Amino acid sequence: MISALCINLGKGKTELHEPERSSKIDDFVQNVASEYKPDIVFSQDAYATKHLEKITTNLSNNIEGSSFVLRKNVINENTKDHVGIFLNEKIYQIIDIENECMKVLENKRLANADFFNEDKRAVLVLAKTIIGGQKFLLSSFHAKKNKITDPQREKHIIEFFSYLEGVAERVKPDHILVGSDTNHRMKLFERRTKTKIFCVKVLLYDYPENCERKITERNVYDFFMISPGLIPTSADPAVFNVDTAILDHHPLFMSFEYPVSNTTSNTTSNTTRNTSSNTSN
């Protein structure tokens, strides 16, 4: 089993100063780490490096026997907008795939020079379980929000899927798991792209009735995405109703089971048609 937390660290309209907001985020991470014990944490949005380092410490200190490290891309040096993956090195060996990622982008750009031109918006990590040797291609993805139209963002998301599949073809993981902030209405995306085949399925859901973003009628933008071999242990992710003065988006937690075999499978040979477990409006 693998478990993951997805947390957009951006702030919305809030009067909280960043030190106070960071302290409250630390409290949230400590509580979730103690109770849920995630193996992986996906993060996105603007958050100072010194505060990200505290998340690494809070995870390691509140999950017994763990040692977390952070792999990240910085999208904007001024705002510290980032995408990150926190991994427990006691469970996973991290395999360097930087060259494979660059080769995929170079090859894609031979045909389209502008292919996924904001590639820092996705960080990819290949992690191999120390026990069992299962390989996971992990990605944290933060789609562009401002100065972009919905059709342009849709193209951006499709190019991310193509990039992800290209890397998977090269590194041959057993499974793919993505934590994302798509900044996009993904139910409409699913309908418009229902004839397309991607290497991951977006796990659609609705906010629970008591959530602040549900009450204020805000869109769901944060999603897990999985390759076919991963099986969610629940119909929907756990949604944490954190005050939007602290976190503009509600964090998610979900666990996944997967078959263990002695042979390595090629995930991309088992792609998924663009369907979802939740088809409500």
Protein backbone atom coordinates (compact mmCIF):
# COMPACT_ATOMS: atom_id res chain seq x y z
CA MET A 1 0.00 0.00 0.00
CA ILE A 2 1.05 3.59 -0.65
CA SER A 3 -0.53 6.65 0.97
CA ALA A 4 -0.27 10.26 -0.05
CA LEU A 5 -1.17 13.77 1.05
CA CYS A 6 -1.68 16.51 -1.54
CA ILE A 7 -1.45 20.05 -0.20
CA ASN A 8 -1.57 23.33 -2.06
CA LEU A 9 0.34 25.74 0.17
CA GLY A 10 -0.85 28.94 -1.44
CA LYS A 11 -2.71 31.62 0.44
CA GLY A 12 -5.92 33.24 -0.69
CA LYS A 13 -7.41 36.45 0.65
CA THR A 14 -6.17 36.46 4.22
CA GLU A 15 -5.12 38.94 6.86
CA LEU A 16 -2.76 36.42 8.45
CA HIS A 17 0.91 37.32 8.29
CA GLU A 18 3.10 34.60 6.81
CA PRO A 19 4.82 33.55 10.08
CA GLU A 20 1.42 32.98 11.72
CA ARG A 21 0.06 31.18 8.64
CA SER A 22 3.19 29.00 8.47
CA SER A 23 2.81 28.09 12.15
CA LYS A 24 -0.77 26.93 11.55
CA ILE A 25 0.33 24.90 8.51
CA ASP A 26 3.01 23.28 10.69
CA ASP A 27 0.31 22.30 13.19
CA PHE A 28 -1.80 20.80 10.41
CA VAL A 29 1.11 18.79 8.96
CA GLN A 30 2.07 17.49 12.40
CA ASN A 31 -1.48 16.33 13.10
CA VAL A 32 -1.94 14.66 9.71
CA ALA A 33 1.48 13.03 9.92
CA SER A 34 0.70 11.60 13.36
CA GLU A 35 -2.76 10.30 12.44
CA TYR A 36 -2.53 9.37 8.75
CA LYS A 37 1.21 8.67 8.31
CA PRO A 38 1.54 9.47 4.58
CA ASP A 39 4.39 7.89 2.64
CA ILE A 40 4.39 10.70 0.08
CA VAL A 41 3.40 14.38 0.25
CA PHE A 42 2.77 16.39 -2.92
CA SER A 43 2.93 20.20 -2.57
CA GLN A 44 2.29 23.16 -4.83
CA ASP A 45 2.17 26.97 -4.91
CA ALA A 46 4.08 29.83 -3.31
CA TYR A 47 5.75 29.00 0.01
CA ALA A 48 9.11 30.10 1.39
CA THR A 49 11.99 27.63 1.31
CA LYS A 50 12.52 27.88 5.08
CA HIS A 51 8.89 26.89 5.64
CA LEU A 52 9.17 23.94 3.24
CA GLU A 53 12.14 22.74 5.27
CA LYS A 54 9.97 22.76 8.38
CA ILE A 55 7.46 20.49 6.64
CA THR A 56 10.26 17.98 6.03
CA THR A 57 11.14 18.10 9.73
CA ASN A 58 7.52 17.89 10.89
CA LEU A 59 6.89 14.80 8.77
CA SER A 60 10.04 13.04 9.99
CA ASN A 61 9.41 13.93 13.63
CA ASN A 62 5.78 12.81 13.66
CA ILE A 63 5.99 9.54 11.71
CA GLU A 64 7.96 7.02 13.71
CA GLY A 65 11.00 5.58 11.95
CA SER A 66 10.72 7.95 8.97
CA SER A 67 13.20 10.24 7.26
CA PHE A 68 11.67 12.60 4.70
CA VAL A 69 13.46 14.46 1.93
CA LEU A 70 12.11 17.02 -0.54
CA ARG A 71 12.52 17.08 -4.31
CA LYS A 72 11.15 20.24 -5.93
CA ASN A 73 11.08 22.59 -8.90
CA VAL A 74 10.85 26.33 -8.33
CA ILE A 75 8.48 27.91 -10.83
CA ASN A 76 9.03 31.52 -9.78
CA GLU A 77 12.07 32.57 -7.75
CA ASN A 78 10.44 35.79 -6.59
CA THR A 79 7.23 34.27 -5.20
CA LYS A 80 8.76 30.83 -4.43
CA ASP A 81 5.93 29.21 -6.35
CA HIS A 82 6.97 25.57 -6.49
CA VAL A 83 6.01 21.95 -7.01
CA GLY A 84 7.41 19.48 -4.50
CA ILE A 85 7.43 15.83 -3.48
CA PHE A 86 8.32 14.82 0.09
CA LEU A 87 9.39 11.17 0.26
CA ASN A 88 10.19 8.85 3.15
CA GLU A 89 13.70 7.55 2.43
CA LYS A 90 13.16 4.71 4.89
CA ILE A 91 10.63 3.30 2.40
CA TYR A 92 11.84 4.53 -1.00
CA GLN A 93 15.11 4.69 -2.86
CA ILE A 94 15.16 7.74 -5.15
CA ILE A 95 16.47 7.06 -8.66
CA ASP A 96 17.82 9.99 -10.70
CA ILE A 97 15.79 10.44 -13.91
CA GLU A 98 16.74 14.02 -14.78
CA ASN A 99 18.40 12.99 -18.06
CA GLU A 100 15.38 10.90 -19.10
CA CYS A 101 13.05 13.83 -18.41
CA MET A 102 15.19 16.20 -20.47
CA LYS A 103 15.40 13.73 -23.37
CA VAL A 104 11.61 13.41 -23.47
CA LEU A 105 11.19 17.19 -23.60
CA GLU A 106 13.88 17.53 -26.26
CA ASN A 107 12.25 14.87 -28.44
CA LYS A 108 8.75 16.33 -28.04
CA ARG A 109 10.04 19.79 -28.94
CA LEU A 110 11.51 18.59 -32.22
CA ALA A 111 7.94 18.47 -33.52
CA ASN A 112 6.56 21.30 -31.36
CA ALA A 113 9.02 23.88 -30.08
CA ASP A 114 6.52 25.16 -27.51
CA PHE A 115 5.67 21.73 -26.06
CA PHE A 116 5.03 22.02 -22.30
CA ASN A 117 7.07 25.22 -22.26
CA GLU A 118 6.52 25.74 -18.52
CA ASP A 119 8.05 22.39 -17.63
CA LYS A 120 9.04 23.59 -14.13
CA ARG A 121 5.35 23.21 -13.26
CA ALA A 122 5.88 19.47 -12.90
CA VAL A 123 8.50 17.69 -10.84
CA LEU A 124 9.00 13.98 -11.56
CA VAL A 125 10.66 11.45 -9.27
CA LEU A 126 11.24 7.72 -9.70
CA ALA A 127 11.03 6.00 -6.31
CA LYS A 128 11.71 2.30 -5.73
CA THR A 129 10.41 0.57 -2.62
CA ILE A 130 13.28 -0.77 -0.52
CA ILE A 131 11.14 -3.80 0.33
CA GLY A 132 9.63 -5.39 -2.77
CA GLY A 133 11.36 -3.30 -5.41
CA GLN A 134 8.19 -1.68 -6.82
CA LYS A 135 8.94 1.41 -8.89
CA PHE A 136 6.68 4.47 -8.71
CA LEU A 137 6.85 7.39 -11.08
CA LEU A 138 5.67 10.28 -8.89
CA SER A 139 4.79 13.79 -10.00
CA SER A 140 3.58 16.99 -8.40
CA PHE A 141 1.90 19.21 -11.00
CA HIS A 142 0.65 22.79 -10.75
CA ALA A 143 -1.15 24.00 -13.86
CA LYS A 144 -0.95 27.66 -14.74
CA LYS A 145 -3.83 29.78 -13.43
CA ASN A 146 -3.34 33.38 -14.55
CA LYS A 147 -3.02 34.91 -18.03
CA ILE A 148 -4.24 31.75 -19.72
CA THR A 149 -7.57 30.75 -21.26
CA ASP A 150 -9.39 27.52 -20.45
CA PRO A 151 -8.57 26.00 -23.88
CA GLN A 152 -4.91 26.93 -23.44
CA ARG A 153 -4.84 25.39 -19.96
CA GLU A 154 -6.50 22.26 -21.30
CA LYS A 155 -3.73 21.97 -23.89
CA HIS A 156 -1.19 22.53 -21.10
CA ILE A 157 -2.68 19.65 -19.06
CA ILE A 158 -2.74 17.32 -22.08
CA GLU A 159 0.92 18.14 -22.74
CA PHE A 160 1.71 17.30 -19.11
CA PHE A 161 0.06 13.89 -19.62
CA SER A 162 2.11 13.38 -22.79
CA TYR A 163 5.32 14.34 -20.96
CA LEU A 164 4.46 11.99 -18.08
CA GLU A 165 3.79 9.12 -20.47
CA GLY A 166 7.01 9.78 -22.38
CA VAL A 167 9.05 9.60 -19.17
CA ALA A 168 7.18 6.44 -18.11
CA GLU A 169 8.08 4.80 -21.42
CA ARG A 170 11.74 5.45 -20.71
CA VAL A 171 11.96 4.56 -17.00
CA LYS A 172 9.31 1.79 -16.99
CA PRO A 173 7.70 2.22 -13.56
CA ASP A 174 5.25 -0.28 -12.13
CA HIS A 175 2.87 2.54 -11.16
CA ILE A 176 2.29 6.27 -11.65
CA LEU A 177 0.91 8.56 -8.94
CA VAL A 178 0.34 12.30 -9.34
CA GLY A 179 -0.73 14.94 -6.84
CA SER A 180 -1.97 18.05 -8.60
CA ASP A 181 -3.54 21.47 -8.55
CA THR A 182 -4.95 21.69 -12.07
CA ASN A 183 -6.64 25.10 -11.70
CA HIS A 184 -9.19 23.61 -14.07
CA ARG A 185 -12.69 22.18 -14.03
CA MET A 186 -11.66 18.60 -14.61
CA LYS A 187 -15.15 17.13 -14.94
CA LEU A 188 -15.64 19.26 -18.05
CA PHE A 189 -12.14 18.30 -19.17
CA GLU A 190 -13.05 14.62 -18.86
CA ARG A 191 -16.14 15.06 -20.99
CA ARG A 192 -14.32 16.97 -23.70
CA THR A 193 -11.46 14.46 -23.86
CA LYS A 194 -13.45 11.26 -23.33
CA THR A 195 -12.16 9.72 -26.57
CA LYS A 196 -8.51 10.31 -25.63
CA ILE A 197 -6.32 7.81 -23.80
CA PHE A 198 -3.92 8.99 -21.10
CA CYS A 199 -1.46 7.12 -18.89
CA VAL A 200 -3.28 8.23 -15.72
CA LYS A 201 -6.88 8.62 -14.61
CA VAL A 202 -8.01 11.72 -12.73
CA LEU A 203 -9.84 10.73 -9.54
CA LEU A 204 -12.79 13.09 -9.56
CA TYR A 205 -14.77 13.88 -6.39
CA ASP A 206 -16.94 16.56 -4.84
CA TYR A 207 -16.21 18.53 -1.70
CA PRO A 208 -18.16 17.28 1.35
CA GLU A 209 -21.10 19.48 2.27
CA ASN A 210 -19.40 21.00 5.35
CA CYS A 211 -16.29 22.20 3.49
CA GLU A 212 -15.74 25.93 3.25
CA ARG A 213 -14.97 25.80 -0.48
CA LYS A 214 -18.20 23.84 -1.05
CA ILE A 215 -20.24 26.37 0.96
CA THR A 216 -18.71 29.29 -0.95
CA GLU A 217 -19.28 27.46 -4.28
CA ARG A 218 -15.64 27.29 -5.31
CA ASN A 219 -14.38 24.79 -7.85
CA VAL A 220 -12.52 21.58 -7.05
CA TYR A 221 -9.02 21.94 -8.55
CA ASP A 222 -6.87 19.48 -6.55
CA PHE A 223 -6.72 15.84 -7.64
CA PHE A 224 -4.85 12.60 -7.40
CA MET A 225 -4.14 10.86 -10.70
CA ILE A 226 -3.22 7.19 -10.98
CA SER A 227 -2.16 4.54 -13.47
CA PRO A 228 -4.38 1.45 -13.83
CA GLY A 229 -2.47 -0.77 -11.37
CA LEU A 230 -3.18 1.45 -8.36
CA ILE A 231 -6.44 0.74 -6.54
CA PRO A 232 -7.86 3.43 -4.21
CA THR A 233 -8.91 2.07 -0.82
CA SER A 234 -11.83 4.52 -0.67
CA ALA A 235 -14.29 5.96 -3.17
CA ASP A 236 -13.11 9.53 -2.54
CA PRO A 237 -10.09 11.13 -0.90
CA ALA A 238 -10.25 12.43 2.65
CA VAL A 239 -10.71 16.20 2.37
CA PHE A 240 -9.40 18.39 5.18
CA ASN A 241 -11.60 21.41 5.79
CA VAL A 242 -8.75 23.76 6.68
CA ASP A 243 -9.70 27.41 7.07
CA THR A 244 -9.06 29.09 3.70
CA ALA A 245 -7.35 31.94 5.56
CA ILE A 246 -4.59 29.38 6.18
CA LEU A 247 -4.75 27.27 3.00
CA ASP A 248 -6.66 28.53 -0.01
CA HIS A 249 -7.36 24.94 -1.14
CA HIS A 250 -8.44 21.96 0.96
CA PRO A 251 -5.70 19.29 1.29
CA LEU A 252 -6.39 15.67 0.28
CA PHE A 253 -5.31 12.28 1.59
CA MET A 254 -5.74 8.90 -0.07
CA SER A 255 -4.32 5.37 0.12
CA PHE A 256 -3.80 2.96 -2.75
CA GLU A 257 -3.26 -0.77 -2.94
CA TYR A 258 -1.28 -2.41 -5.72
CA PRO A 259 -0.44 -5.97 -6.76
CA VAL A 260 3.05 -7.12 -5.90
CA SER A 261 4.78 -9.29 -8.48
CA ASN A 262 8.31 -10.44 -9.14
CA THR A 263 8.33 -8.93 -12.61
CA THR A 264 8.38 -5.29 -13.55
CA SER A 265 5.44 -4.15 -15.63
CA ASN A 266 5.42 -1.33 -18.16
CA THR A 267 2.72 1.06 -17.04
CA THR A 268 2.37 2.69 -20.43
CA SER A 269 1.34 -0.58 -22.04
CA ASN A 270 -1.72 -0.46 -19.80
CA THR A 271 -2.99 3.06 -20.39
CA THR A 272 -6.42 4.14 -19.31
CA ARG A 273 -9.24 5.63 -21.34
CA ASN A 274 -10.18 9.02 -19.96
CA THR A 275 -12.95 7.96 -17.58
CA SER A 276 -13.58 8.60 -13.91
CA SER A 277 -15.02 6.87 -10.90
CA ASN A 278 -17.20 9.95 -10.29
CA THR A 279 -19.30 11.27 -13.15
CA SER A 280 -21.58 13.69 -11.29
CA ASN A 281 -21.83 17.32 -12.34
